Amino acid sequence: MIEIRKASTHDATAIQTLLTQLGYPQSLEFIEKKIRLFESDERQFIFVADIDHKLAGFLSLTMIPQIALEGDFARIAYVCVDQQFRGKRIGQTLVAYAEQIAKSWGCNRMELHSGDHRKQAHEFYLGQNYEDAPKYFRKFL
């Protein structure tokens, strides 16, 4: 059975492993600091999926208020399911849970960004009824 819960600093080592699988290796201290930052901001969440007390995946979520439109939106920044747990509906469970939380915050839409090279992730999101919205601009500061 999959249990979804908020992440704590006790999850930092497992999240470090998952971030490395995604191609974002970070120090344990960095990840612990980020988890504490998320814990202190009511609009930021990191959810983890546990299976038999083993962390199988995580998702980070941000609630973003809108000034010009009815309803706010939520943004998924990172989703990762451990390689050994893929194909067990953990990603779907995390995304569905995030969508429920977003609705409870008054959000009427979700967004996420996924790099061009992550073809399997794109297929996953399309399978979750997300649509491709290809315009995305950024500037590094």
C-alpha atoms as a PDB file:
ATOM      1  CA  MET A   1       0.000   0.000   0.000  1.00  0.00           C
ATOM      2  CA  ILE A   2       1.236   3.504  -0.867  1.00  0.00           C
ATOM      3  CA  GLU A   3       1.191   6.068   1.942  1.00  0.00           C
ATOM      4  CA  ILE A   4       1.563   9.744   0.943  1.00  0.00           C
ATOM      5  CA  ARG A   5       2.813  12.180   3.588  1.00  0.00           C
ATOM      6  CA  LYS A   6       4.724  15.435   3.935  1.00  0.00           C
ATOM      7  CA  ALA A   7       8.486  15.086   3.780  1.00  0.00           C
ATOM      8  CA  SER A   8      10.677  15.783   6.793  1.00  0.00           C
ATOM      9  CA  THR A   9      14.419  16.167   7.169  1.00  0.00           C
ATOM     10  CA  HIS A  10      14.481  12.444   8.063  1.00  0.00           C
ATOM     11  CA  ASP A  11      13.705  11.828   4.375  1.00  0.00           C
ATOM     12  CA  ALA A  12      16.668  13.859   3.114  1.00  0.00           C
ATOM     13  CA  THR A  13      18.934  10.901   2.307  1.00  0.00           C
ATOM     14  CA  ALA A  14      16.255   9.135   0.264  1.00  0.00           C
ATOM     15  CA  ILE A  15      15.334  12.390  -1.520  1.00  0.00           C
ATOM     16  CA  GLN A  16      19.045  12.905  -2.238  1.00  0.00           C
ATOM     17  CA  THR A  17      19.118   9.499  -3.962  1.00  0.00           C
ATOM     18  CA  LEU A  18      16.015  10.335  -6.000  1.00  0.00           C
ATOM     19  CA  LEU A  19      17.362  13.736  -7.045  1.00  0.00           C
ATOM     20  CA  THR A  20      20.559  12.040  -8.183  1.00  0.00           C
ATOM     21  CA  GLN A  21      18.447   9.646 -10.293  1.00  0.00           C
ATOM     22  CA  LEU A  22      16.849  12.749 -11.861  1.00  0.00           C
ATOM     23  CA  GLY A  23      20.282  14.188 -12.626  1.00  0.00           C
ATOM     24  CA  TYR A  24      20.365  16.750  -9.791  1.00  0.00           C
ATOM     25  CA  PRO A  25      22.967  15.536  -7.279  1.00  0.00           C
ATOM     26  CA  GLN A  26      23.032  17.710  -4.165  1.00  0.00           C
ATOM     27  CA  SER A  27      24.609  17.534  -0.730  1.00  0.00           C
ATOM     28  CA  LEU A  28      22.586  16.209   2.176  1.00  0.00           C
ATOM     29  CA  GLU A  29      22.934  19.570   3.937  1.00  0.00           C
ATOM     30  CA  PHE A  30      21.486  21.382   0.911  1.00  0.00           C
ATOM     31  CA  ILE A  31      18.465  19.070   0.767  1.00  0.00           C
ATOM     32  CA  GLU A  32      17.837  19.331   4.521  1.00  0.00           C
ATOM     33  CA  LYS A  33      17.939  23.126   4.221  1.00  0.00           C
ATOM     34  CA  LYS A  34      15.417  23.055   1.359  1.00  0.00           C
ATOM     35  CA  ILE A  35      13.084  20.719   3.261  1.00  0.00           C
ATOM     36  CA  ARG A  36      13.146  23.104   6.253  1.00  0.00           C
ATOM     37  CA  LEU A  37      12.406  26.012   3.876  1.00  0.00           C
ATOM     38  CA  PHE A  38       9.387  24.167   2.455  1.00  0.00           C
ATOM     39  CA  GLU A  39       8.212  23.339   5.995  1.00  0.00           C
ATOM     40  CA  SER A  40       8.263  27.044   6.911  1.00  0.00           C
ATOM     41  CA  ASP A  41       6.201  28.176   3.887  1.00  0.00           C
ATOM     42  CA  GLU A  42       2.520  27.247   3.949  1.00  0.00           C
ATOM     43  CA  ARG A  43       2.296  27.401   0.118  1.00  0.00           C
ATOM     44  CA  GLN A  44       5.166  24.940  -0.494  1.00  0.00           C
ATOM     45  CA  PHE A  45       4.960  21.186  -0.114  1.00  0.00           C
ATOM     46  CA  ILE A  46       7.174  18.165  -0.556  1.00  0.00           C
ATOM     47  CA  PHE A  47       5.208  14.934  -0.476  1.00  0.00           C
ATOM     48  CA  VAL A  48       6.771  11.497  -0.283  1.00  0.00           C
ATOM     49  CA  ALA A  49       5.357   8.091  -1.150  1.00  0.00           C
ATOM     50  CA  ASP A  50       6.156   5.308   1.294  1.00  0.00           C
ATOM     51  CA  ILE A  51       5.774   1.622   0.558  1.00  0.00           C
ATOM     52  CA  ASP A  52       6.414  -0.623   3.544  1.00  0.00           C
ATOM     53  CA  HIS A  53       8.420   2.163   5.253  1.00  0.00           C
ATOM     54  CA  LYS A  54      10.651   2.664   2.203  1.00  0.00           C
ATOM     55  CA  LEU A  55      10.581   6.000   0.414  1.00  0.00           C
ATOM     56  CA  ALA A  56       9.553   5.188  -3.148  1.00  0.00           C
ATOM     57  CA  GLY A  57       9.107   8.676  -4.607  1.00  0.00           C
ATOM     58  CA  PHE A  58       8.549  12.356  -3.983  1.00  0.00           C
ATOM     59  CA  LEU A  59       6.826  15.387  -5.477  1.00  0.00           C
ATOM     60  CA  SER A  60       7.288  19.105  -4.771  1.00  0.00           C
ATOM     61  CA  LEU A  61       4.329  21.451  -5.126  1.00  0.00           C
ATOM     62  CA  THR A  62       3.829  25.218  -4.920  1.00  0.00           C
ATOM     63  CA  MET A  63       0.560  27.154  -4.691  1.00  0.00           C
ATOM     64  CA  ILE A  64       0.647  30.357  -6.766  1.00  0.00           C
ATOM     65  CA  PRO A  65      -2.010  33.050  -6.295  1.00  0.00           C
ATOM     66  CA  GLN A  66      -3.320  34.922  -9.343  1.00  0.00           C
ATOM     67  CA  ILE A  67      -4.340  38.564  -9.444  1.00  0.00           C
ATOM     68  CA  ALA A  68      -5.981  38.664 -12.880  1.00  0.00           C
ATOM     69  CA  LEU A  69      -7.870  35.376 -13.014  1.00  0.00           C
ATOM     70  CA  GLU A  70     -10.378  33.514 -10.910  1.00  0.00           C
ATOM     71  CA  GLY A  71      -8.741  30.562  -9.243  1.00  0.00           C
ATOM     72  CA  ASP A  72      -5.091  30.132  -8.409  1.00  0.00           C
ATOM     73  CA  PHE A  73      -2.743  27.559  -9.866  1.00  0.00           C
ATOM     74  CA  ALA A  74      -0.342  25.011  -8.511  1.00  0.00           C
ATOM     75  CA  ARG A  75       3.026  24.092  -9.953  1.00  0.00           C
ATOM     76  CA  ILE A  76       4.714  20.738  -9.689  1.00  0.00           C
ATOM     77  CA  ALA A  77       8.450  21.355  -9.743  1.00  0.00           C
ATOM     78  CA  TYR A  78       9.855  17.842  -9.284  1.00  0.00           C
ATOM     79  CA  VAL A  79       8.464  14.332  -9.370  1.00  0.00           C
ATOM     80  CA  CYS A  80      10.629  11.273  -9.051  1.00  0.00           C
ATOM     81  CA  VAL A  81       9.850   7.626  -8.427  1.00  0.00           C
ATOM     82  CA  ASP A  82      12.738   5.417  -7.410  1.00  0.00           C
ATOM     83  CA  GLN A  83      13.883   3.223 -10.291  1.00  0.00           C
ATOM     84  CA  GLN A  84      13.091   0.034  -8.364  1.00  0.00           C
ATOM     85  CA  PHE A  85       9.468   1.158  -7.809  1.00  0.00           C
ATOM     86  CA  ARG A  86       8.573   2.423 -11.280  1.00  0.00           C
ATOM     87  CA  GLY A  87       5.508   0.917 -12.931  1.00  0.00           C
ATOM     88  CA  LYS A  88       3.627   0.568  -9.625  1.00  0.00           C
ATOM     89  CA  ARG A  89       1.391   3.684 -10.023  1.00  0.00           C
ATOM     90  CA  ILE A  90       3.392   5.687  -7.483  1.00  0.00           C
ATOM     91  CA  GLY A  91       3.799   8.664  -9.815  1.00  0.00           C
ATOM     92  CA  GLN A  92       0.078   8.649 -10.579  1.00  0.00           C
ATOM     93  CA  THR A  93      -0.713   8.485  -6.859  1.00  0.00           C
ATOM     94  CA  LEU A  94       1.605  11.404  -6.061  1.00  0.00           C
ATOM     95  CA  VAL A  95       0.208  13.557  -8.884  1.00  0.00           C
ATOM     96  CA  ALA A  96      -3.408  12.767  -7.942  1.00  0.00           C
ATOM     97  CA  TYR A  97      -2.666  13.637  -4.314  1.00  0.00           C
ATOM     98  CA  ALA A  98      -1.053  16.933  -5.360  1.00  0.00           C
ATOM     99  CA  GLU A  99      -4.104  17.735  -7.481  1.00  0.00           C
ATOM    100  CA  GLN A 100      -6.388  17.147  -4.481  1.00  0.00           C
ATOM    101  CA  ILE A 101      -4.273  19.455  -2.321  1.00  0.00           C
ATOM    102  CA  ALA A 102      -4.285  22.114  -5.052  1.00  0.00           C
ATOM    103  CA  LYS A 103      -8.078  21.968  -5.307  1.00  0.00           C
ATOM    104  CA  SER A 104      -8.366  22.346  -1.535  1.00  0.00           C
ATOM    105  CA  TRP A 105      -6.311  25.563  -1.857  1.00  0.00           C
ATOM    106  CA  GLY A 106      -8.701  26.957  -4.465  1.00  0.00           C
ATOM    107  CA  CYS A 107      -6.519  26.192  -7.470  1.00  0.00           C
ATOM    108  CA  ASN A 108      -8.307  25.457 -10.719  1.00  0.00           C
ATOM    109  CA  ARG A 109      -5.273  24.375 -12.740  1.00  0.00           C
ATOM    110  CA  MET A 110      -1.890  22.690 -12.430  1.00  0.00           C
ATOM    111  CA  GLU A 111       1.280  23.256 -14.361  1.00  0.00           C
ATOM    112  CA  LEU A 112       4.662  21.645 -14.543  1.00  0.00           C
ATOM    113  CA  HIS A 113       7.779  21.873 -16.647  1.00  0.00           C
ATOM    114  CA  SER A 114       9.629  18.921 -18.065  1.00  0.00           C
ATOM    115  CA  GLY A 115      12.848  19.062 -20.073  1.00  0.00           C
ATOM    116  CA  ASP A 116      12.768  18.125 -23.753  1.00  0.00           C
ATOM    117  CA  HIS A 117      15.027  15.139 -23.080  1.00  0.00           C
ATOM    118  CA  ARG A 118      12.565  13.515 -20.614  1.00  0.00           C
ATOM    119  CA  LYS A 119      10.429  11.713 -23.204  1.00  0.00           C
ATOM    120  CA  GLN A 120       9.127   9.047 -20.796  1.00  0.00           C
ATOM    121  CA  ALA A 121       8.053  11.762 -18.351  1.00  0.00           C
ATOM    122  CA  HIS A 122       6.164  13.520 -21.160  1.00  0.00           C
ATOM    123  CA  GLU A 123       4.257  10.335 -21.939  1.00  0.00           C
ATOM    124  CA  PHE A 124       3.485   9.938 -18.228  1.00  0.00           C
ATOM    125  CA  TYR A 125       2.062  13.475 -17.944  1.00  0.00           C
ATOM    126  CA  LEU A 126       0.034  13.145 -21.132  1.00  0.00           C
ATOM    127  CA  GLY A 127      -1.378   9.940 -19.649  1.00  0.00           C
ATOM    128  CA  GLN A 128      -2.464  11.931 -16.584  1.00  0.00           C
ATOM    129  CA  ASN A 129      -4.468  14.292 -18.854  1.00  0.00           C
ATOM    130  CA  TYR A 130      -1.932  17.116 -18.863  1.00  0.00           C
ATOM    131  CA  GLU A 131      -1.644  18.972 -22.152  1.00  0.00           C
ATOM    132  CA  ASP A 132       1.515  20.113 -23.849  1.00  0.00           C
ATOM    133  CA  ALA A 133       1.840  23.890 -23.503  1.00  0.00           C
ATOM    134  CA  PRO A 134       5.220  24.460 -25.151  1.00  0.00           C
ATOM    135  CA  LYS A 135       5.875  28.178 -24.557  1.00  0.00           C
ATOM    136  CA  TYR A 136       8.208  28.589 -21.622  1.00  0.00           C
ATOM    137  CA  PHE A 137      10.731  31.386 -21.189  1.00  0.00           C
ATOM    138  CA  ARG A 138      13.479  31.661 -18.622  1.00  0.00           C
ATOM    139  CA  LYS A 139      16.468  33.777 -17.747  1.00  0.00           C
ATOM    140  CA  PHE A 140      19.195  32.780 -15.348  1.00  0.00           C
ATOM    141  CA  LEU A 141      20.026  35.466 -12.806  1.00  0.00           C
END
